[in-house]
Amino acid sequence: MKLTRVDSVPSRPNPHGVVARLLHDGSHAFVMHLTLEPGQAIAPHATPVDVLFYVLEGSGRAHQGVESVDISADTIIESPKGTAHGFSNTGSGLMRVLAIKLQGSE
């Protein structure tokens, strides 16, 4: 059994300037743990694979294509490949999100 503690994984540099920890990089899925401080955002961008986002903590706005909606903990957002998506932390505390890229969806 392989266990990974989020706080034991170093953050990876990224163009959004948020804390991003790679938790899993497998043949079928890529899992990244993202932490956004209040006011931080991940600019809309498209990926070549389907992505699921699971909000673990906090609140904010999700942006996908021309849509923007409020999001909070225990929400899953599905983003099809090729569709621009992004997030902004509009709350007063941390926003933590799991980004799961589905590798087999290419």
N, C-alpha and C. Protein backbone atom coordinates (compact mmCIF):
# COMPACT_ATOMS: atom_id res chain seq x y z
N MET A 1 0.84 -1.17 0.00
CA MET A 1 0.00 0.00 0.00
C MET A 1 0.89 1.24 0.00
N LYS A 2 0.55 2.16 -0.89
CA LYS A 2 1.31 3.41 -0.96
C LYS A 2 0.45 4.53 -0.36
N LEU A 3 1.01 5.23 0.61
CA LEU A 3 0.33 6.37 1.23
C LEU A 3 1.10 7.64 0.92
N THR A 4 0.38 8.70 0.64
CA THR A 4 1.01 10.00 0.39
C THR A 4 0.33 11.04 1.25
N ARG A 5 1.09 11.72 2.07
CA ARG A 5 0.56 12.83 2.86
C ARG A 5 0.77 14.12 2.05
N VAL A 6 -0.29 14.87 1.88
CA VAL A 6 -0.23 16.09 1.08
C VAL A 6 0.88 17.01 1.57
N ASP A 7 0.99 17.18 2.88
CA ASP A 7 1.98 18.12 3.41
C ASP A 7 3.42 17.63 3.29
N SER A 8 3.61 16.38 2.85
CA SER A 8 4.97 15.87 2.65
C SER A 8 5.46 16.04 1.21
N VAL A 9 4.57 16.47 0.32
CA VAL A 9 4.90 16.64 -1.09
C VAL A 9 5.24 18.11 -1.35
N PRO A 10 6.42 18.37 -1.93
CA PRO A 10 6.77 19.78 -2.20
C PRO A 10 5.89 20.39 -3.29
N SER A 11 5.69 21.68 -3.19
CA SER A 11 4.92 22.40 -4.21
C SER A 11 5.74 22.49 -5.49
N ARG A 12 5.05 22.43 -6.63
CA ARG A 12 5.70 22.55 -7.94
C ARG A 12 5.49 23.95 -8.49
N PRO A 13 6.51 24.49 -9.12
CA PRO A 13 6.33 25.80 -9.77
C PRO A 13 5.21 25.72 -10.82
N ASN A 14 4.43 26.79 -10.93
CA ASN A 14 3.36 26.80 -11.91
C ASN A 14 3.08 28.25 -12.31
N PRO A 15 2.50 28.46 -13.47
CA PRO A 15 2.28 29.84 -13.95
C PRO A 15 1.25 30.61 -13.15
N HIS A 16 0.50 29.94 -12.27
CA HIS A 16 -0.56 30.61 -11.52
C HIS A 16 -0.09 31.11 -10.16
N GLY A 17 1.09 30.66 -9.72
CA GLY A 17 1.64 31.10 -8.44
C GLY A 17 0.93 30.54 -7.23
N VAL A 18 0.18 29.44 -7.40
CA VAL A 18 -0.50 28.81 -6.28
C VAL A 18 0.33 27.61 -5.80
N VAL A 19 0.03 27.13 -4.61
CA VAL A 19 0.69 25.93 -4.11
C VAL A 19 0.08 24.74 -4.84
N ALA A 20 0.90 23.99 -5.57
CA ALA A 20 0.44 22.86 -6.37
C ALA A 20 1.32 21.65 -6.07
N ARG A 21 0.70 20.62 -5.51
CA ARG A 21 1.44 19.41 -5.13
C ARG A 21 0.96 18.23 -5.96
N LEU A 22 1.88 17.60 -6.69
CA LEU A 22 1.56 16.42 -7.49
C LEU A 22 1.47 15.21 -6.56
N LEU A 23 0.25 14.65 -6.43
CA LEU A 23 0.04 13.52 -5.54
C LEU A 23 0.11 12.18 -6.27
N HIS A 24 -0.23 12.18 -7.56
CA HIS A 24 -0.23 10.93 -8.33
C HIS A 24 -0.03 11.25 -9.80
N ASP A 25 0.86 10.51 -10.43
CA ASP A 25 1.10 10.65 -11.87
C ASP A 25 1.14 9.24 -12.45
N GLY A 26 -0.03 8.73 -12.82
CA GLY A 26 -0.13 7.36 -13.33
C GLY A 26 -0.52 7.32 -14.78
N SER A 27 -0.70 6.13 -15.29
CA SER A 27 -1.03 5.96 -16.70
C SER A 27 -2.48 6.35 -17.00
N HIS A 28 -3.34 6.38 -15.98
CA HIS A 28 -4.75 6.70 -16.21
C HIS A 28 -5.20 8.02 -15.60
N ALA A 29 -4.45 8.50 -14.61
CA ALA A 29 -4.87 9.74 -13.95
C ALA A 29 -3.66 10.48 -13.39
N PHE A 30 -3.83 11.78 -13.27
CA PHE A 30 -2.83 12.70 -12.75
C PHE A 30 -3.58 13.50 -11.69
N VAL A 31 -3.12 13.46 -10.44
CA VAL A 31 -3.84 14.13 -9.35
C VAL A 31 -2.96 15.21 -8.74
N MET A 32 -3.48 16.43 -8.75
CA MET A 32 -2.77 17.58 -8.21
C MET A 32 -3.62 18.19 -7.10
N HIS A 33 -2.96 18.53 -5.98
CA HIS A 33 -3.62 19.21 -4.87
C HIS A 33 -3.26 20.69 -4.97
N LEU A 34 -4.27 21.54 -5.12
CA LEU A 34 -4.06 22.97 -5.31
C LEU A 34 -4.54 23.72 -4.07
N THR A 35 -3.76 24.70 -3.63
CA THR A 35 -4.16 25.55 -2.52
C THR A 35 -4.12 27.00 -2.98
N LEU A 36 -5.26 27.67 -2.88
CA LEU A 36 -5.35 29.08 -3.26
C LEU A 36 -5.62 29.92 -2.02
N GLU A 37 -4.81 30.94 -1.83
CA GLU A 37 -5.02 31.91 -0.76
C GLU A 37 -6.18 32.81 -1.16
N PRO A 38 -6.83 33.50 -0.20
CA PRO A 38 -7.88 34.44 -0.57
C PRO A 38 -7.38 35.43 -1.63
N GLY A 39 -8.18 35.61 -2.67
CA GLY A 39 -7.82 36.51 -3.75
C GLY A 39 -7.00 35.88 -4.87
N GLN A 40 -6.42 34.70 -4.65
CA GLN A 40 -5.65 34.05 -5.70
C GLN A 40 -6.57 33.41 -6.73
N ALA A 41 -6.04 33.24 -7.93
CA ALA A 41 -6.84 32.66 -9.01
C ALA A 41 -5.96 31.79 -9.91
N ILE A 42 -6.60 30.86 -10.57
CA ILE A 42 -5.98 30.09 -11.64
C ILE A 42 -6.64 30.58 -12.91
N ALA A 43 -5.86 31.22 -13.76
CA ALA A 43 -6.41 31.81 -14.98
C ALA A 43 -7.00 30.74 -15.88
N PRO A 44 -8.09 31.05 -16.56
CA PRO A 44 -8.67 30.07 -17.47
C PRO A 44 -7.65 29.58 -18.50
N HIS A 45 -7.65 28.26 -18.67
CA HIS A 45 -6.77 27.60 -19.63
C HIS A 45 -7.41 26.28 -20.02
N ALA A 46 -7.07 25.76 -21.17
CA ALA A 46 -7.63 24.49 -21.65
C ALA A 46 -6.59 23.39 -21.52
N THR A 47 -7.05 22.16 -21.34
CA THR A 47 -6.17 21.00 -21.27
C THR A 47 -6.60 20.01 -22.35
N PRO A 48 -5.66 19.15 -22.78
CA PRO A 48 -5.98 18.18 -23.83
C PRO A 48 -6.67 16.92 -23.31
N VAL A 49 -7.03 16.91 -22.02
CA VAL A 49 -7.72 15.76 -21.41
C VAL A 49 -8.87 16.27 -20.55
N ASP A 50 -9.83 15.39 -20.26
CA ASP A 50 -10.90 15.71 -19.33
C ASP A 50 -10.31 15.91 -17.94
N VAL A 51 -10.90 16.84 -17.17
CA VAL A 51 -10.43 17.10 -15.80
C VAL A 51 -11.63 17.15 -14.87
N LEU A 52 -11.46 16.55 -13.69
CA LEU A 52 -12.43 16.67 -12.61
C LEU A 52 -11.79 17.50 -11.52
N PHE A 53 -12.54 18.43 -10.94
CA PHE A 53 -12.06 19.23 -9.82
C PHE A 53 -12.96 18.95 -8.63
N TYR A 54 -12.37 18.63 -7.50
CA TYR A 54 -13.13 18.38 -6.28
C TYR A 54 -12.70 19.41 -5.25
N VAL A 55 -13.63 20.26 -4.82
CA VAL A 55 -13.33 21.30 -3.85
C VAL A 55 -13.34 20.65 -2.46
N LEU A 56 -12.18 20.66 -1.82
CA LEU A 56 -12.03 20.07 -0.49
C LEU A 56 -12.40 21.05 0.62
N GLU A 57 -12.07 22.31 0.40
CA GLU A 57 -12.22 23.32 1.45
C GLU A 57 -12.35 24.68 0.80
N GLY A 58 -13.09 25.57 1.45
CA GLY A 58 -13.17 26.96 1.00
C GLY A 58 -14.30 27.22 0.04
N SER A 59 -14.28 28.42 -0.52
CA SER A 59 -15.31 28.83 -1.47
C SER A 59 -14.69 29.75 -2.50
N GLY A 60 -15.35 29.82 -3.65
CA GLY A 60 -14.83 30.66 -4.72
C GLY A 60 -15.74 30.63 -5.92
N ARG A 61 -15.14 30.88 -7.08
CA ARG A 61 -15.85 30.86 -8.36
C ARG A 61 -15.11 29.93 -9.29
N ALA A 62 -15.88 29.13 -10.01
CA ALA A 62 -15.33 28.28 -11.07
C ALA A 62 -15.71 28.92 -12.40
N HIS A 63 -14.77 28.90 -13.31
CA HIS A 63 -14.98 29.48 -14.63
C HIS A 63 -14.75 28.37 -15.66
N GLN A 64 -15.71 28.20 -16.55
CA GLN A 64 -15.58 27.18 -17.60
C GLN A 64 -16.26 27.70 -18.85
N GLY A 65 -15.48 27.85 -19.90
CA GLY A 65 -16.02 28.44 -21.11
C GLY A 65 -16.52 29.83 -20.80
N VAL A 66 -17.80 30.11 -21.07
CA VAL A 66 -18.38 31.43 -20.77
C VAL A 66 -19.16 31.43 -19.46
N GLU A 67 -19.19 30.30 -18.75
CA GLU A 67 -19.92 30.19 -17.49
C GLU A 67 -19.03 30.47 -16.29
N SER A 68 -19.62 31.06 -15.24
CA SER A 68 -18.97 31.23 -13.94
C SER A 68 -20.02 30.93 -12.88
N VAL A 69 -19.64 30.10 -11.90
CA VAL A 69 -20.57 29.74 -10.82
C VAL A 69 -19.83 29.76 -9.49
N ASP A 70 -20.60 30.00 -8.42
CA ASP A 70 -20.04 29.91 -7.07
C ASP A 70 -19.83 28.45 -6.72
N ILE A 71 -18.74 28.16 -6.02
CA ILE A 71 -18.44 26.80 -5.61
C ILE A 71 -18.03 26.80 -4.14
N SER A 72 -18.17 25.64 -3.51
CA SER A 72 -17.77 25.49 -2.11
C SER A 72 -17.37 24.04 -1.87
N ALA A 73 -16.97 23.74 -0.66
CA ALA A 73 -16.50 22.41 -0.30
C ALA A 73 -17.52 21.34 -0.70
N ASP A 74 -16.98 20.18 -1.06
CA ASP A 74 -17.76 19.01 -1.46
C ASP A 74 -18.51 19.20 -2.77
N THR A 75 -17.92 19.98 -3.66
CA THR A 75 -18.46 20.19 -5.00
C THR A 75 -17.48 19.59 -6.01
N ILE A 76 -18.02 18.89 -7.02
CA ILE A 76 -17.21 18.38 -8.13
C ILE A 76 -17.58 19.15 -9.38
N ILE A 77 -16.55 19.59 -10.11
CA ILE A 77 -16.74 20.29 -11.37
C ILE A 77 -16.11 19.44 -12.46
N GLU A 78 -16.87 19.14 -13.50
CA GLU A 78 -16.35 18.37 -14.63
C GLU A 78 -15.99 19.34 -15.75
N SER A 79 -14.80 19.16 -16.31
CA SER A 79 -14.35 20.03 -17.40
C SER A 79 -13.88 19.17 -18.56
N PRO A 80 -14.61 19.18 -19.67
CA PRO A 80 -14.21 18.38 -20.83
C PRO A 80 -12.92 18.91 -21.46
N LYS A 81 -12.19 18.00 -22.07
CA LYS A 81 -10.94 18.41 -22.72
C LYS A 81 -11.21 19.51 -23.73
N GLY A 82 -10.24 20.42 -23.85
CA GLY A 82 -10.34 21.51 -24.80
C GLY A 82 -11.19 22.69 -24.34
N THR A 83 -11.82 22.57 -23.16
CA THR A 83 -12.65 23.65 -22.64
C THR A 83 -11.85 24.46 -21.61
N ALA A 84 -11.81 25.76 -21.78
CA ALA A 84 -11.07 26.60 -20.83
C ALA A 84 -11.74 26.55 -19.46
N HIS A 85 -10.92 26.40 -18.42
CA HIS A 85 -11.43 26.35 -17.05
C HIS A 85 -10.46 27.07 -16.12
N GLY A 86 -10.98 27.57 -15.01
CA GLY A 86 -10.16 28.25 -14.02
C GLY A 86 -10.94 28.44 -12.75
N PHE A 87 -10.28 28.96 -11.70
CA PHE A 87 -10.89 29.15 -10.39
C PHE A 87 -10.41 30.45 -9.79
N SER A 88 -11.21 30.99 -8.89
CA SER A 88 -10.74 32.11 -8.08
C SER A 88 -11.26 31.89 -6.66
N ASN A 89 -10.41 32.19 -5.69
CA ASN A 89 -10.79 32.09 -4.29
C ASN A 89 -11.39 33.42 -3.88
N THR A 90 -12.70 33.43 -3.72
CA THR A 90 -13.41 34.65 -3.33
C THR A 90 -13.74 34.66 -1.84
N GLY A 91 -13.34 33.60 -1.14
CA GLY A 91 -13.62 33.50 0.28
C GLY A 91 -12.56 34.17 1.14
N SER A 92 -12.72 34.04 2.44
CA SER A 92 -11.78 34.66 3.39
C SER A 92 -10.74 33.67 3.91
N GLY A 93 -10.87 32.40 3.55
CA GLY A 93 -9.90 31.38 3.98
C GLY A 93 -9.30 30.66 2.80
N LEU A 94 -8.50 29.64 3.09
CA LEU A 94 -7.89 28.85 2.04
C LEU A 94 -8.96 28.14 1.21
N MET A 95 -8.64 27.94 -0.06
CA MET A 95 -9.45 27.10 -0.94
C MET A 95 -8.55 25.97 -1.41
N ARG A 96 -8.95 24.73 -1.10
CA ARG A 96 -8.15 23.57 -1.49
C ARG A 96 -8.97 22.75 -2.49
N VAL A 97 -8.31 22.38 -3.61
CA VAL A 97 -8.98 21.68 -4.70
C VAL A 97 -8.11 20.53 -5.18
N LEU A 98 -8.73 19.37 -5.43
CA LEU A 98 -8.04 18.28 -6.11
C LEU A 98 -8.35 18.40 -7.59
N ALA A 99 -7.32 18.44 -8.43
CA ALA A 99 -7.48 18.44 -9.87
C ALA A 99 -7.08 17.05 -10.35
N ILE A 100 -8.01 16.36 -11.02
CA ILE A 100 -7.77 15.00 -11.48
C ILE A 100 -7.87 14.99 -12.99
N LYS A 101 -6.72 14.87 -13.65
CA LYS A 101 -6.68 14.80 -15.11
C LYS A 101 -6.81 13.34 -15.51
N LEU A 102 -7.79 13.05 -16.36
CA LEU A 102 -8.05 11.68 -16.77
C LEU A 102 -7.27 11.37 -18.04
N GLN A 103 -6.14 10.71 -17.87
CA GLN A 103 -5.18 10.49 -18.96
C GLN A 103 -5.77 9.68 -20.12
N GLY A 104 -6.68 8.78 -19.84
CA GLY A 104 -7.24 7.95 -20.90
C GLY A 104 -8.24 8.67 -21.76
N SER A 105 -8.48 9.96 -21.51
CA SER A 105 -9.51 10.69 -22.25
C SER A 105 -8.95 11.45 -23.45
N GLU A 106 -7.69 11.18 -23.79
CA GLU A 106 -7.07 11.89 -24.93
C GLU A 106 -7.64 11.42 -26.25
